[in-house]
Amino acid sequence: MGVDPGIVVKLNEQLDAISGYDDPRRASSEWKQVYKLLQKTDLRPGRITSMVGMRDVAGLIQAIEELGAPESETPDPAADAPDSETCKKALKAFRKRLAVTRLDDESQLGRSPLSKGASSGPLAISPPIEWPDAVWRELARQGKLRDVGGGFYELAKQ
């Protein structure tokens, strides 16, 4: 992934400290440091939050290995691009999640009486986690979704 080697060294130190505990869940200060360090990388924010929140040592080991891999060993993005059927199903799930999120937003009772009643609605959402990041990146590359940052995507303007 090509990240600062100092971050990988610090992550390995924190991993060693976490491994020293009988129960890795009790290493709160170490996990906080891991969280801060991982935020400086290009890992997806949802993956970081899930890994640290669940105190997933195996996931941390895998993330450190990915971050420490030299650029030449990083797989070519086109080589493991998802097939069109997977992208189609993922886009359908994304649209469904977006529709449900909009309905949820519109069903609020506390609408302002001063507004015209027009809903702004959420434009960008976090994609369903059932599909890997590569699917969402591929859909963004195809122009069907737009990456707005922070792990959020929106439908591209057609």
C-alpha atoms as a PDB file:
ATOM      1  CA  MET A   1       0.000   0.000   0.000  1.00  0.00           C
ATOM      2  CA  GLY A   2       2.950   2.269   0.365  1.00  0.00           C
ATOM      3  CA  VAL A   3       2.657   3.913   3.761  1.00  0.00           C
ATOM      4  CA  ASP A   4       5.257   5.588   5.950  1.00  0.00           C
ATOM      5  CA  PRO A   5       7.481   2.794   7.332  1.00  0.00           C
ATOM      6  CA  GLY A   6       7.519   4.537  10.718  1.00  0.00           C
ATOM      7  CA  ILE A   7       3.783   3.935  11.070  1.00  0.00           C
ATOM      8  CA  VAL A   8       4.235   0.234  10.303  1.00  0.00           C
ATOM      9  CA  VAL A   9       7.002  -0.003  12.933  1.00  0.00           C
ATOM     10  CA  LYS A  10       4.795   1.725  15.532  1.00  0.00           C
ATOM     11  CA  LEU A  11       1.874  -0.553  14.647  1.00  0.00           C
ATOM     12  CA  ASN A  12       4.105  -3.599  15.122  1.00  0.00           C
ATOM     13  CA  GLU A  13       5.185  -2.256  18.526  1.00  0.00           C
ATOM     14  CA  GLN A  14       1.551  -1.786  19.541  1.00  0.00           C
ATOM     15  CA  LEU A  15       0.730  -5.282  18.262  1.00  0.00           C
ATOM     16  CA  ASP A  16       3.517  -6.716  20.426  1.00  0.00           C
ATOM     17  CA  ALA A  17       2.160  -4.825  23.437  1.00  0.00           C
ATOM     18  CA  ILE A  18      -1.390  -6.051  22.754  1.00  0.00           C
ATOM     19  CA  SER A  19      -0.125  -9.636  22.349  1.00  0.00           C
ATOM     20  CA  GLY A  20       1.452  -9.376  25.817  1.00  0.00           C
ATOM     21  CA  TYR A  21      -1.995  -9.241  27.429  1.00  0.00           C
ATOM     22  CA  ASP A  22      -3.841 -12.410  28.390  1.00  0.00           C
ATOM     23  CA  ASP A  23      -6.984 -10.793  26.977  1.00  0.00           C
ATOM     24  CA  PRO A  24      -6.287  -8.392  24.073  1.00  0.00           C
ATOM     25  CA  ARG A  25      -9.539  -6.566  24.801  1.00  0.00           C
ATOM     26  CA  ARG A  26      -7.985  -5.144  27.965  1.00  0.00           C
ATOM     27  CA  ALA A  27      -5.246  -3.276  26.090  1.00  0.00           C
ATOM     28  CA  SER A  28      -7.322  -0.104  25.776  1.00  0.00           C
ATOM     29  CA  SER A  29      -4.515   2.437  25.526  1.00  0.00           C
ATOM     30  CA  GLU A  30      -2.697   0.331  22.923  1.00  0.00           C
ATOM     31  CA  TRP A  31      -5.854   0.013  20.806  1.00  0.00           C
ATOM     32  CA  LYS A  32      -6.319   3.796  21.011  1.00  0.00           C
ATOM     33  CA  GLN A  33      -2.810   4.254  19.641  1.00  0.00           C
ATOM     34  CA  VAL A  34      -3.506   1.683  16.912  1.00  0.00           C
ATOM     35  CA  TYR A  35      -6.641   3.621  15.950  1.00  0.00           C
ATOM     36  CA  LYS A  36      -4.734   6.905  15.705  1.00  0.00           C
ATOM     37  CA  LEU A  37      -1.992   5.314  13.632  1.00  0.00           C
ATOM     38  CA  LEU A  38      -4.390   3.552  11.266  1.00  0.00           C
ATOM     39  CA  GLN A  39      -6.223   6.817  10.607  1.00  0.00           C
ATOM     40  CA  LYS A  40      -3.009   8.122   9.031  1.00  0.00           C
ATOM     41  CA  THR A  41      -3.131   5.339   6.429  1.00  0.00           C
ATOM     42  CA  ASP A  42      -5.346   4.864   3.403  1.00  0.00           C
ATOM     43  CA  LEU A  43      -7.332   1.997   4.933  1.00  0.00           C
ATOM     44  CA  ARG A  44     -11.099   2.405   4.744  1.00  0.00           C
ATOM     45  CA  PRO A  45     -12.429   4.173   7.878  1.00  0.00           C
ATOM     46  CA  GLY A  46     -15.137   1.546   8.392  1.00  0.00           C
ATOM     47  CA  ARG A  47     -12.556  -1.216   8.389  1.00  0.00           C
ATOM     48  CA  ILE A  48     -10.432   0.640  10.951  1.00  0.00           C
ATOM     49  CA  THR A  49     -13.382   1.294  13.250  1.00  0.00           C
ATOM     50  CA  SER A  50     -14.571  -2.289  13.021  1.00  0.00           C
ATOM     51  CA  MET A  51     -11.114  -3.744  13.626  1.00  0.00           C
ATOM     52  CA  VAL A  52     -10.365  -1.547  16.638  1.00  0.00           C
ATOM     53  CA  GLY A  53     -13.897  -1.712  18.033  1.00  0.00           C
ATOM     54  CA  MET A  54     -13.933  -5.502  17.928  1.00  0.00           C
ATOM     55  CA  ARG A  55     -10.314  -5.676  19.163  1.00  0.00           C
ATOM     56  CA  ASP A  56      -9.581  -7.892  16.145  1.00  0.00           C
ATOM     57  CA  VAL A  57      -5.941  -8.953  16.517  1.00  0.00           C
ATOM     58  CA  ALA A  58      -6.033 -11.116  13.373  1.00  0.00           C
ATOM     59  CA  GLY A  59      -7.434  -8.191  11.383  1.00  0.00           C
ATOM     60  CA  LEU A  60      -4.712  -5.939  12.769  1.00  0.00           C
ATOM     61  CA  ILE A  61      -2.024  -8.414  11.725  1.00  0.00           C
ATOM     62  CA  GLN A  62      -3.503  -8.568   8.219  1.00  0.00           C
ATOM     63  CA  ALA A  63      -3.702  -4.760   7.990  1.00  0.00           C
ATOM     64  CA  ILE A  64      -0.074  -4.383   9.106  1.00  0.00           C
ATOM     65  CA  GLU A  65       1.015  -6.934   6.482  1.00  0.00           C
ATOM     66  CA  GLU A  66      -0.911  -5.023   3.788  1.00  0.00           C
ATOM     67  CA  LEU A  67       0.546  -1.697   4.879  1.00  0.00           C
ATOM     68  CA  GLY A  68       4.080  -3.069   5.050  1.00  0.00           C
ATOM     69  CA  ALA A  69       3.971  -4.666   1.606  1.00  0.00           C
ATOM     70  CA  PRO A  70       6.188  -2.870  -0.889  1.00  0.00           C
ATOM     71  CA  GLU A  71       4.487  -1.236  -3.870  1.00  0.00           C
ATOM     72  CA  SER A  72       5.834  -3.893  -6.236  1.00  0.00           C
ATOM     73  CA  GLU A  73       4.093  -6.648  -4.265  1.00  0.00           C
ATOM     74  CA  THR A  74       0.792  -4.819  -4.147  1.00  0.00           C
ATOM     75  CA  PRO A  75      -1.609  -6.541  -6.527  1.00  0.00           C
ATOM     76  CA  ASP A  76      -2.591  -4.685  -9.665  1.00  0.00           C
ATOM     77  CA  PRO A  77      -6.096  -3.205  -9.170  1.00  0.00           C
ATOM     78  CA  ALA A  78      -7.149  -4.318 -12.644  1.00  0.00           C
ATOM     79  CA  ALA A  79      -6.040  -7.885 -11.946  1.00  0.00           C
ATOM     80  CA  ASP A  80      -8.599  -8.449  -9.175  1.00  0.00           C
ATOM     81  CA  ALA A  81     -11.342  -6.178 -10.503  1.00  0.00           C
ATOM     82  CA  PRO A  82     -14.775  -7.583  -9.681  1.00  0.00           C
ATOM     83  CA  ASP A  83     -16.834  -9.040 -12.498  1.00  0.00           C
ATOM     84  CA  SER A  84     -19.766  -7.175 -14.017  1.00  0.00           C
ATOM     85  CA  GLU A  85     -22.381  -9.351 -12.287  1.00  0.00           C
ATOM     86  CA  THR A  86     -20.924  -8.569  -8.854  1.00  0.00           C
ATOM     87  CA  CYS A  87     -20.840  -4.861  -9.670  1.00  0.00           C
ATOM     88  CA  LYS A  88     -24.438  -5.006 -10.877  1.00  0.00           C
ATOM     89  CA  LYS A  89     -25.640  -6.664  -7.656  1.00  0.00           C
ATOM     90  CA  ALA A  90     -23.621  -4.277  -5.496  1.00  0.00           C
ATOM     91  CA  LEU A  91     -25.021  -1.231  -7.322  1.00  0.00           C
ATOM     92  CA  LYS A  92     -28.552  -2.564  -6.851  1.00  0.00           C
ATOM     93  CA  ALA A  93     -27.899  -2.998  -3.109  1.00  0.00           C
ATOM     94  CA  PHE A  94     -26.413   0.515  -2.963  1.00  0.00           C
ATOM     95  CA  ARG A  95     -29.518   2.009  -4.621  1.00  0.00           C
ATOM     96  CA  LYS A  96     -31.761   0.077  -2.247  1.00  0.00           C
ATOM     97  CA  ARG A  97     -29.823   1.294   0.801  1.00  0.00           C
ATOM     98  CA  LEU A  98     -29.941   4.870  -0.515  1.00  0.00           C
ATOM     99  CA  ALA A  99     -33.721   4.632  -1.011  1.00  0.00           C
ATOM    100  CA  VAL A 100     -34.242   3.254   2.501  1.00  0.00           C
ATOM    101  CA  THR A 101     -32.020   5.978   3.957  1.00  0.00           C
ATOM    102  CA  ARG A 102     -34.006   8.667   2.118  1.00  0.00           C
ATOM    103  CA  LEU A 103     -37.322   7.188   3.286  1.00  0.00           C
ATOM    104  CA  ASP A 104     -36.034   7.138   6.843  1.00  0.00           C
ATOM    105  CA  ASP A 105     -34.980  10.775   6.550  1.00  0.00           C
ATOM    106  CA  GLU A 106     -38.345  11.826   5.071  1.00  0.00           C
ATOM    107  CA  SER A 107     -40.373  10.009   7.717  1.00  0.00           C
ATOM    108  CA  GLN A 108     -39.200  12.264  10.546  1.00  0.00           C
ATOM    109  CA  LEU A 109     -42.012  13.893  12.463  1.00  0.00           C
ATOM    110  CA  GLY A 110     -40.014  16.954  13.380  1.00  0.00           C
ATOM    111  CA  ARG A 111     -40.092  18.769  10.052  1.00  0.00           C
ATOM    112  CA  SER A 112     -39.836  22.533  10.300  1.00  0.00           C
ATOM    113  CA  PRO A 113     -43.139  24.330   9.612  1.00  0.00           C
ATOM    114  CA  LEU A 114     -41.141  27.111   7.962  1.00  0.00           C
ATOM    115  CA  SER A 115     -39.756  24.899   5.232  1.00  0.00           C
ATOM    116  CA  LYS A 116     -41.510  24.343   1.923  1.00  0.00           C
ATOM    117  CA  GLY A 117     -41.646  20.658   2.616  1.00  0.00           C
ATOM    118  CA  ALA A 118     -38.986  19.906   0.047  1.00  0.00           C
ATOM    119  CA  SER A 119     -36.658  17.275   1.345  1.00  0.00           C
ATOM    120  CA  SER A 120     -32.950  17.612   1.000  1.00  0.00           C
ATOM    121  CA  GLY A 121     -32.416  13.914   1.601  1.00  0.00           C
ATOM    122  CA  PRO A 122     -29.093  12.209   2.029  1.00  0.00           C
ATOM    123  CA  LEU A 123     -27.014  12.267  -1.120  1.00  0.00           C
ATOM    124  CA  ALA A 124     -24.048  10.182  -0.001  1.00  0.00           C
ATOM    125  CA  ILE A 125     -24.118   7.041   2.095  1.00  0.00           C
ATOM    126  CA  SER A 126     -21.709   4.433   3.370  1.00  0.00           C
ATOM    127  CA  PRO A 127     -21.966   1.480   0.977  1.00  0.00           C
ATOM    128  CA  PRO A 128     -23.183  -1.935   2.150  1.00  0.00           C
ATOM    129  CA  ILE A 129     -20.357  -3.885   3.776  1.00  0.00           C
ATOM    130  CA  GLU A 130     -21.357  -7.158   2.112  1.00  0.00           C
ATOM    131  CA  TRP A 131     -19.132  -6.246  -0.844  1.00  0.00           C
ATOM    132  CA  PRO A 132     -15.425  -5.459  -0.664  1.00  0.00           C
ATOM    133  CA  ASP A 133     -13.953  -2.005  -1.242  1.00  0.00           C
ATOM    134  CA  ALA A 134     -12.714  -3.083  -4.655  1.00  0.00           C
ATOM    135  CA  VAL A 135     -16.314  -3.273  -5.891  1.00  0.00           C
ATOM    136  CA  TRP A 136     -17.065   0.300  -4.833  1.00  0.00           C
ATOM    137  CA  ARG A 137     -13.819   1.598  -6.311  1.00  0.00           C
ATOM    138  CA  GLU A 138     -14.614  -0.185  -9.576  1.00  0.00           C
ATOM    139  CA  LEU A 139     -18.113   1.315  -9.693  1.00  0.00           C
ATOM    140  CA  ALA A 140     -16.595   4.743  -9.052  1.00  0.00           C
ATOM    141  CA  ARG A 141     -14.047   4.127 -11.815  1.00  0.00           C
ATOM    142  CA  GLN A 142     -16.886   3.177 -14.175  1.00  0.00           C
ATOM    143  CA  GLY A 143     -18.622   6.436 -13.336  1.00  0.00           C
ATOM    144  CA  LYS A 144     -21.705   4.861 -11.750  1.00  0.00           C
ATOM    145  CA  LEU A 145     -20.805   6.085  -8.243  1.00  0.00           C
ATOM    146  CA  ARG A 146     -18.826   9.060  -7.031  1.00  0.00           C
ATOM    147  CA  ASP A 147     -16.456   8.761  -4.069  1.00  0.00           C
ATOM    148  CA  VAL A 148     -17.043  11.795  -1.837  1.00  0.00           C
ATOM    149  CA  GLY A 149     -14.423  10.777   0.737  1.00  0.00           C
ATOM    150  CA  GLY A 150     -14.568   9.350   4.207  1.00  0.00           C
ATOM    151  CA  GLY A 151     -15.898   6.025   2.906  1.00  0.00           C
ATOM    152  CA  PHE A 152     -19.047   7.652   1.491  1.00  0.00           C
ATOM    153  CA  TYR A 153     -20.328   7.298  -2.062  1.00  0.00           C
ATOM    154  CA  GLU A 154     -23.164   8.897  -3.998  1.00  0.00           C
ATOM    155  CA  LEU A 155     -24.843   8.029  -7.255  1.00  0.00           C
ATOM    156  CA  ALA A 156     -23.170   9.735 -10.175  1.00  0.00           C
ATOM    157  CA  LYS A 157     -25.180  12.377 -11.972  1.00  0.00           C
ATOM    158  CA  GLN A 158     -26.663  10.769 -15.069  1.00  0.00           C
END
